[in-house]
Amino acid sequence: MSATYSVLGMTCQGCANSVTNAIKTAAPQSEITVDLDAKQITVNGCDDQGVIAQAVDDAGFEFAGPV
């Protein structure tokens, strides 16, 4: 299953890498796609929104919920 979430504060590829790495650490089985222009991430392989939200917050960005 995949889900798309809004992440505030991502402005560059470095930001995208930070978010991706944080999610991969929290949910190693997941695949993450980042859309910087839309400020969104799509996560495949992790259905636990709480895990994703915590990972995004831990990376220093604001998890704004599902799209």
PDB file of N, CA and C in Angstrom:
ATOM      1  N   MET A   1       0.833  -1.183   0.000  1.00  0.00           N
ATOM      2  CA  MET A   1       0.000   0.000   0.000  1.00  0.00           C
ATOM      3  C   MET A   1       0.877   1.245   0.000  1.00  0.00           C
ATOM      4  N   SER A   2       0.426   2.272  -0.691  1.00  0.00           N
ATOM      5  CA  SER A   2       1.176   3.525  -0.674  1.00  0.00           C
ATOM      6  C   SER A   2       0.283   4.640  -0.148  1.00  0.00           C
ATOM      7  N   ALA A   3       0.930   5.640   0.428  1.00  0.00           N
ATOM      8  CA  ALA A   3       0.215   6.806   0.938  1.00  0.00           C
ATOM      9  C   ALA A   3       1.059   8.036   0.664  1.00  0.00           C
ATOM     10  N   THR A   4       0.384   9.149   0.390  1.00  0.00           N
ATOM     11  CA  THR A   4       1.063  10.407   0.123  1.00  0.00           C
ATOM     12  C   THR A   4       0.772  11.378   1.253  1.00  0.00           C
ATOM     13  N   TYR A   5       1.840  12.045   1.698  1.00  0.00           N
ATOM     14  CA  TYR A   5       1.736  12.961   2.831  1.00  0.00           C
ATOM     15  C   TYR A   5       2.348  14.313   2.467  1.00  0.00           C
ATOM     16  N   SER A   6       1.843  15.342   3.086  1.00  0.00           N
ATOM     17  CA  SER A   6       2.395  16.676   2.943  1.00  0.00           C
ATOM     18  C   SER A   6       3.473  16.873   4.004  1.00  0.00           C
ATOM     19  N   VAL A   7       4.618  17.418   3.575  1.00  0.00           N
ATOM     20  CA  VAL A   7       5.731  17.691   4.486  1.00  0.00           C
ATOM     21  C   VAL A   7       6.161  19.139   4.268  1.00  0.00           C
ATOM     22  N   LEU A   8       6.008  19.950   5.288  1.00  0.00           N
ATOM     23  CA  LEU A   8       6.351  21.362   5.188  1.00  0.00           C
ATOM     24  C   LEU A   8       7.818  21.576   5.538  1.00  0.00           C
ATOM     25  N   GLY A   9       8.448  22.508   4.828  1.00  0.00           N
ATOM     26  CA  GLY A   9       9.824  22.872   5.130  1.00  0.00           C
ATOM     27  C   GLY A   9      10.859  22.293   4.180  1.00  0.00           C
ATOM     28  N   MET A  10      10.459  21.383   3.303  1.00  0.00           N
ATOM     29  CA  MET A  10      11.414  20.825   2.342  1.00  0.00           C
ATOM     30  C   MET A  10      11.621  21.835   1.215  1.00  0.00           C
ATOM     31  N   THR A  11      12.880  22.244   1.012  1.00  0.00           N
ATOM     32  CA  THR A  11      13.154  23.238  -0.026  1.00  0.00           C
ATOM     33  C   THR A  11      14.208  22.804  -1.034  1.00  0.00           C
ATOM     34  N   CYS A  12      14.947  21.736  -0.733  1.00  0.00           N
ATOM     35  CA  CYS A  12      16.043  21.348  -1.625  1.00  0.00           C
ATOM     36  C   CYS A  12      16.240  19.829  -1.588  1.00  0.00           C
ATOM     37  N   GLN A  13      17.148  19.363  -2.417  1.00  0.00           N
ATOM     38  CA  GLN A  13      17.416  17.924  -2.472  1.00  0.00           C
ATOM     39  C   GLN A  13      17.994  17.428  -1.158  1.00  0.00           C
ATOM     40  N   GLY A  14      18.757  18.264  -0.472  1.00  0.00           N
ATOM     41  CA  GLY A  14      19.282  17.880   0.836  1.00  0.00           C
ATOM     42  C   GLY A  14      18.164  17.622   1.826  1.00  0.00           C
ATOM     43  N   CYS A  15      17.133  18.458   1.771  1.00  0.00           N
ATOM     44  CA  CYS A  15      15.959  18.256   2.632  1.00  0.00           C
ATOM     45  C   CYS A  15      15.285  16.926   2.292  1.00  0.00           C
ATOM     46  N   ALA A  16      15.115  16.686   1.009  1.00  0.00           N
ATOM     47  CA  ALA A  16      14.489  15.444   0.561  1.00  0.00           C
ATOM     48  C   ALA A  16      15.285  14.240   1.032  1.00  0.00           C
ATOM     49  N   ASN A  17      16.612  14.330   0.952  1.00  0.00           N
ATOM     50  CA  ASN A  17      17.467  13.228   1.411  1.00  0.00           C
ATOM     51  C   ASN A  17      17.328  13.006   2.912  1.00  0.00           C
ATOM     52  N   SER A  18      17.245  14.092   3.677  1.00  0.00           N
ATOM     53  CA  SER A  18      17.097  13.972   5.128  1.00  0.00           C
ATOM     54  C   SER A  18      15.801  13.263   5.489  1.00  0.00           C
ATOM     55  N   VAL A  19      14.712  13.653   4.841  1.00  0.00           N
ATOM     56  CA  VAL A  19      13.415  13.030   5.099  1.00  0.00           C
ATOM     57  C   VAL A  19      13.447  11.560   4.680  1.00  0.00           C
ATOM     58  N   THR A  20      13.980  11.295   3.509  1.00  0.00           N
ATOM     59  CA  THR A  20      14.064   9.919   3.011  1.00  0.00           C
ATOM     60  C   THR A  20      14.875   9.039   3.959  1.00  0.00           C
ATOM     61  N   ASN A  21      16.022   9.520   4.385  1.00  0.00           N
ATOM     62  CA  ASN A  21      16.878   8.738   5.283  1.00  0.00           C
ATOM     63  C   ASN A  21      16.204   8.490   6.626  1.00  0.00           C
ATOM     64  N   ALA A  22      15.502   9.486   7.141  1.00  0.00           N
ATOM     65  CA  ALA A  22      14.815   9.321   8.424  1.00  0.00           C
ATOM     66  C   ALA A  22      13.718   8.262   8.324  1.00  0.00           C
ATOM     67  N   ILE A  23      12.975   8.280   7.239  1.00  0.00           N
ATOM     68  CA  ILE A  23      11.903   7.288   7.065  1.00  0.00           C
ATOM     69  C   ILE A  23      12.505   5.904   6.856  1.00  0.00           C
ATOM     70  N   LYS A  24      13.574   5.815   6.064  1.00  0.00           N
ATOM     71  CA  LYS A  24      14.223   4.514   5.829  1.00  0.00           C
ATOM     72  C   LYS A  24      14.776   3.927   7.124  1.00  0.00           C
ATOM     73  N   THR A  25      15.217   4.781   8.038  1.00  0.00           N
ATOM     74  CA  THR A  25      15.712   4.310   9.329  1.00  0.00           C
ATOM     75  C   THR A  25      14.560   3.763  10.169  1.00  0.00           C
ATOM     76  N   ALA A  26      13.433   4.467  10.153  1.00  0.00           N
ATOM     77  CA  ALA A  26      12.275   4.068  10.962  1.00  0.00           C
ATOM     78  C   ALA A  26      11.512   2.892  10.345  1.00  0.00           C
ATOM     79  N   ALA A  27      11.512   2.825   9.028  1.00  0.00           N
ATOM     80  CA  ALA A  27      10.772   1.776   8.313  1.00  0.00           C
ATOM     81  C   ALA A  27      11.629   1.297   7.140  1.00  0.00           C
ATOM     82  N   PRO A  28      12.621   0.439   7.411  1.00  0.00           N
ATOM     83  CA  PRO A  28      13.597   0.043   6.387  1.00  0.00           C
ATOM     84  C   PRO A  28      13.003  -0.606   5.140  1.00  0.00           C
ATOM     85  N   GLN A  29      11.840  -1.208   5.270  1.00  0.00           N
ATOM     86  CA  GLN A  29      11.229  -1.890   4.132  1.00  0.00           C
ATOM     87  C   GLN A  29      10.531  -0.928   3.171  1.00  0.00           C
ATOM     88  N   SER A  30      10.426   0.335   3.538  1.00  0.00           N
ATOM     89  CA  SER A  30       9.650   1.286   2.749  1.00  0.00           C
ATOM     90  C   SER A  30      10.431   1.835   1.568  1.00  0.00           C
ATOM     91  N   GLU A  31       9.666   2.300   0.572  1.00  0.00           N
ATOM     92  CA  GLU A  31      10.215   3.009  -0.580  1.00  0.00           C
ATOM     93  C   GLU A  31       9.587   4.396  -0.558  1.00  0.00           C
ATOM     94  N   ILE A  32      10.426   5.418  -0.706  1.00  0.00           N
ATOM     95  CA  ILE A  32       9.958   6.785  -0.576  1.00  0.00           C
ATOM     96  C   ILE A  32      10.221   7.542  -1.865  1.00  0.00           C
ATOM     97  N   THR A  33       9.221   8.282  -2.315  1.00  0.00           N
ATOM     98  CA  THR A  33       9.352   9.191  -3.449  1.00  0.00           C
ATOM     99  C   THR A  33       9.047  10.584  -2.943  1.00  0.00           C
ATOM    100  N   VAL A  34       9.902  11.546  -3.276  1.00  0.00           N
ATOM    101  CA  VAL A  34       9.726  12.919  -2.816  1.00  0.00           C
ATOM    102  C   VAL A  34       9.391  13.814  -4.006  1.00  0.00           C
ATOM    103  N   ASP A  35       8.382  14.658  -3.834  1.00  0.00           N
ATOM    104  CA  ASP A  35       8.027  15.693  -4.808  1.00  0.00           C
ATOM    105  C   ASP A  35       8.271  17.038  -4.127  1.00  0.00           C
ATOM    106  N   LEU A  36       9.438  17.620  -4.381  1.00  0.00           N
ATOM    107  CA  LEU A  36       9.804  18.873  -3.726  1.00  0.00           C
ATOM    108  C   LEU A  36       8.867  20.013  -4.088  1.00  0.00           C
ATOM    109  N   ASP A  37       8.459  20.089  -5.348  1.00  0.00           N
ATOM    110  CA  ASP A  37       7.586  21.182  -5.778  1.00  0.00           C
ATOM    111  C   ASP A  37       6.257  21.165  -5.034  1.00  0.00           C
ATOM    112  N   ALA A  38       5.716  19.982  -4.830  1.00  0.00           N
ATOM    113  CA  ALA A  38       4.422  19.848  -4.141  1.00  0.00           C
ATOM    114  C   ALA A  38       4.589  19.736  -2.627  1.00  0.00           C
ATOM    115  N   LYS A  39       5.842  19.601  -2.157  1.00  0.00           N
ATOM    116  CA  LYS A  39       6.118  19.408  -0.724  1.00  0.00           C
ATOM    117  C   LYS A  39       5.415  18.149  -0.213  1.00  0.00           C
ATOM    118  N   GLN A  40       5.555  17.061  -0.987  1.00  0.00           N
ATOM    119  CA  GLN A  40       4.886  15.808  -0.651  1.00  0.00           C
ATOM    120  C   GLN A  40       5.856  14.638  -0.732  1.00  0.00           C
ATOM    121  N   ILE A  41       5.549  13.617   0.063  1.00  0.00           N
ATOM    122  CA  ILE A  41       6.256  12.351  -0.028  1.00  0.00           C
ATOM    123  C   ILE A  41       5.229  11.248  -0.253  1.00  0.00           C
ATOM    124  N   THR A  42       5.623  10.245  -0.997  1.00  0.00           N
ATOM    125  CA  THR A  42       4.801   9.054  -1.161  1.00  0.00           C
ATOM    126  C   THR A  42       5.598   7.898  -0.587  1.00  0.00           C
ATOM    127  N   VAL A  43       4.962   7.165   0.317  1.00  0.00           N
ATOM    128  CA  VAL A  43       5.624   6.060   1.004  1.00  0.00           C
ATOM    129  C   VAL A  43       4.924   4.757   0.639  1.00  0.00           C
ATOM    130  N   ASN A  44       5.702   3.811   0.129  1.00  0.00           N
ATOM    131  CA  ASN A  44       5.213   2.469  -0.166  1.00  0.00           C
ATOM    132  C   ASN A  44       5.835   1.515   0.842  1.00  0.00           C
ATOM    133  N   GLY A  45       5.026   0.634   1.405  1.00  0.00           N
ATOM    134  CA  GLY A  45       5.574  -0.409   2.267  1.00  0.00           C
ATOM    135  C   GLY A  45       5.511  -0.135   3.750  1.00  0.00           C
ATOM    136  N   CYS A  46       4.931   0.983   4.152  1.00  0.00           N
ATOM    137  CA  CYS A  46       4.742   1.255   5.578  1.00  0.00           C
ATOM    138  C   CYS A  46       3.381   1.918   5.745  1.00  0.00           C
ATOM    139  N   ASP A  47       2.483   1.201   6.405  1.00  0.00           N
ATOM    140  CA  ASP A  47       1.119   1.696   6.576  1.00  0.00           C
ATOM    141  C   ASP A  47       0.921   2.471   7.873  1.00  0.00           C
ATOM    142  N   ASP A  48       1.963   2.579   8.688  1.00  0.00           N
ATOM    143  CA  ASP A  48       1.839   3.224   9.994  1.00  0.00           C
ATOM    144  C   ASP A  48       2.154   4.715   9.888  1.00  0.00           C
ATOM    145  N   GLN A  49       1.102   5.519   9.799  1.00  0.00           N
ATOM    146  CA  GLN A  49       1.265   6.958   9.649  1.00  0.00           C
ATOM    147  C   GLN A  49       2.041   7.560  10.821  1.00  0.00           C
ATOM    148  N   GLY A  50       1.871   7.023  12.011  1.00  0.00           N
ATOM    149  CA  GLY A  50       2.589   7.521  13.178  1.00  0.00           C
ATOM    150  C   GLY A  50       4.094   7.380  13.044  1.00  0.00           C
ATOM    151  N   VAL A  51       4.541   6.268  12.487  1.00  0.00           N
ATOM    152  CA  VAL A  51       5.972   6.043  12.268  1.00  0.00           C
ATOM    153  C   VAL A  51       6.510   7.073  11.278  1.00  0.00           C
ATOM    154  N   ILE A  52       5.767   7.300  10.209  1.00  0.00           N
ATOM    155  CA  ILE A  52       6.190   8.260   9.192  1.00  0.00           C
ATOM    156  C   ILE A  52       6.223   9.669   9.783  1.00  0.00           C
ATOM    157  N   ALA A  53       5.170  10.035  10.503  1.00  0.00           N
ATOM    158  CA  ALA A  53       5.097  11.368  11.107  1.00  0.00           C
ATOM    159  C   ALA A  53       6.266  11.612  12.055  1.00  0.00           C
ATOM    160  N   GLN A  54       6.578  10.634  12.888  1.00  0.00           N
ATOM    161  CA  GLN A  54       7.677  10.781  13.843  1.00  0.00           C
ATOM    162  C   GLN A  54       9.012  10.917  13.127  1.00  0.00           C
ATOM    163  N   ALA A  55       9.213  10.123  12.084  1.00  0.00           N
ATOM    164  CA  ALA A  55      10.465  10.184  11.327  1.00  0.00           C
ATOM    165  C   ALA A  55      10.642  11.553  10.671  1.00  0.00           C
ATOM    166  N   VAL A  56       9.567  12.084  10.099  1.00  0.00           N
ATOM    167  CA  VAL A  56       9.624  13.405   9.460  1.00  0.00           C
ATOM    168  C   VAL A  56       9.935  14.468  10.507  1.00  0.00           C
ATOM    169  N   ASP A  57       9.248  14.405  11.629  1.00  0.00           N
ATOM    170  CA  ASP A  57       9.494  15.368  12.710  1.00  0.00           C
ATOM    171  C   ASP A  57      10.929  15.254  13.230  1.00  0.00           C
ATOM    172  N   ASP A  58      11.417  14.029  13.396  1.00  0.00           N
ATOM    173  CA  ASP A  58      12.782  13.814  13.873  1.00  0.00           C
ATOM    174  C   ASP A  58      13.816  14.377  12.897  1.00  0.00           C
ATOM    175  N   ALA A  59      13.467  14.415  11.610  1.00  0.00           N
ATOM    176  CA  ALA A  59      14.378  14.957  10.596  1.00  0.00           C
ATOM    177  C   ALA A  59      14.356  16.485  10.577  1.00  0.00           C
ATOM    178  N   GLY A  60      13.441  17.088  11.355  1.00  0.00           N
ATOM    179  CA  GLY A  60      13.392  18.543  11.444  1.00  0.00           C
ATOM    180  C   GLY A  60      12.389  19.206  10.531  1.00  0.00           C
ATOM    181  N   PHE A  61      11.437  18.413  10.036  1.00  0.00           N
ATOM    182  CA  PHE A  61      10.424  18.954   9.144  1.00  0.00           C
ATOM    183  C   PHE A  61       9.044  18.754   9.764  1.00  0.00           C
ATOM    184  N   GLU A  62       8.056  19.428   9.182  1.00  0.00           N
ATOM    185  CA  GLU A  62       6.707  19.360   9.750  1.00  0.00           C
ATOM    186  C   GLU A  62       5.834  18.410   8.929  1.00  0.00           C
ATOM    187  N   PHE A  63       5.397  17.348   9.589  1.00  0.00           N
ATOM    188  CA  PHE A  63       4.477  16.389   8.969  1.00  0.00           C
ATOM    189  C   PHE A  63       3.089  17.025   8.994  1.00  0.00           C
ATOM    190  N   ALA A  64       2.504  17.228   7.816  1.00  0.00           N
ATOM    191  CA  ALA A  64       1.222  17.935   7.731  1.00  0.00           C
ATOM    192  C   ALA A  64       0.059  17.006   7.382  1.00  0.00           C
ATOM    193  N   GLY A  65       0.288  15.705   7.412  1.00  0.00           N
ATOM    194  CA  GLY A  65      -0.807  14.751   7.220  1.00  0.00           C
ATOM    195  C   GLY A  65      -0.946  14.258   5.805  1.00  0.00           C
ATOM    196  N   PRO A  66      -1.911  13.357   5.622  1.00  0.00           N
ATOM    197  CA  PRO A  66      -2.118  12.761   4.300  1.00  0.00           C
ATOM    198  C   PRO A  66      -2.690  13.761   3.310  1.00  0.00           C
ATOM    199  N   VAL A  67      -2.408  13.494   2.061  1.00  0.00           N
ATOM    200  CA  VAL A  67      -2.908  14.348   0.964  1.00  0.00           C
ATOM    201  C   VAL A  67      -4.193  13.753   0.451  1.00  0.00           C
TER     202      VAL A  67
END
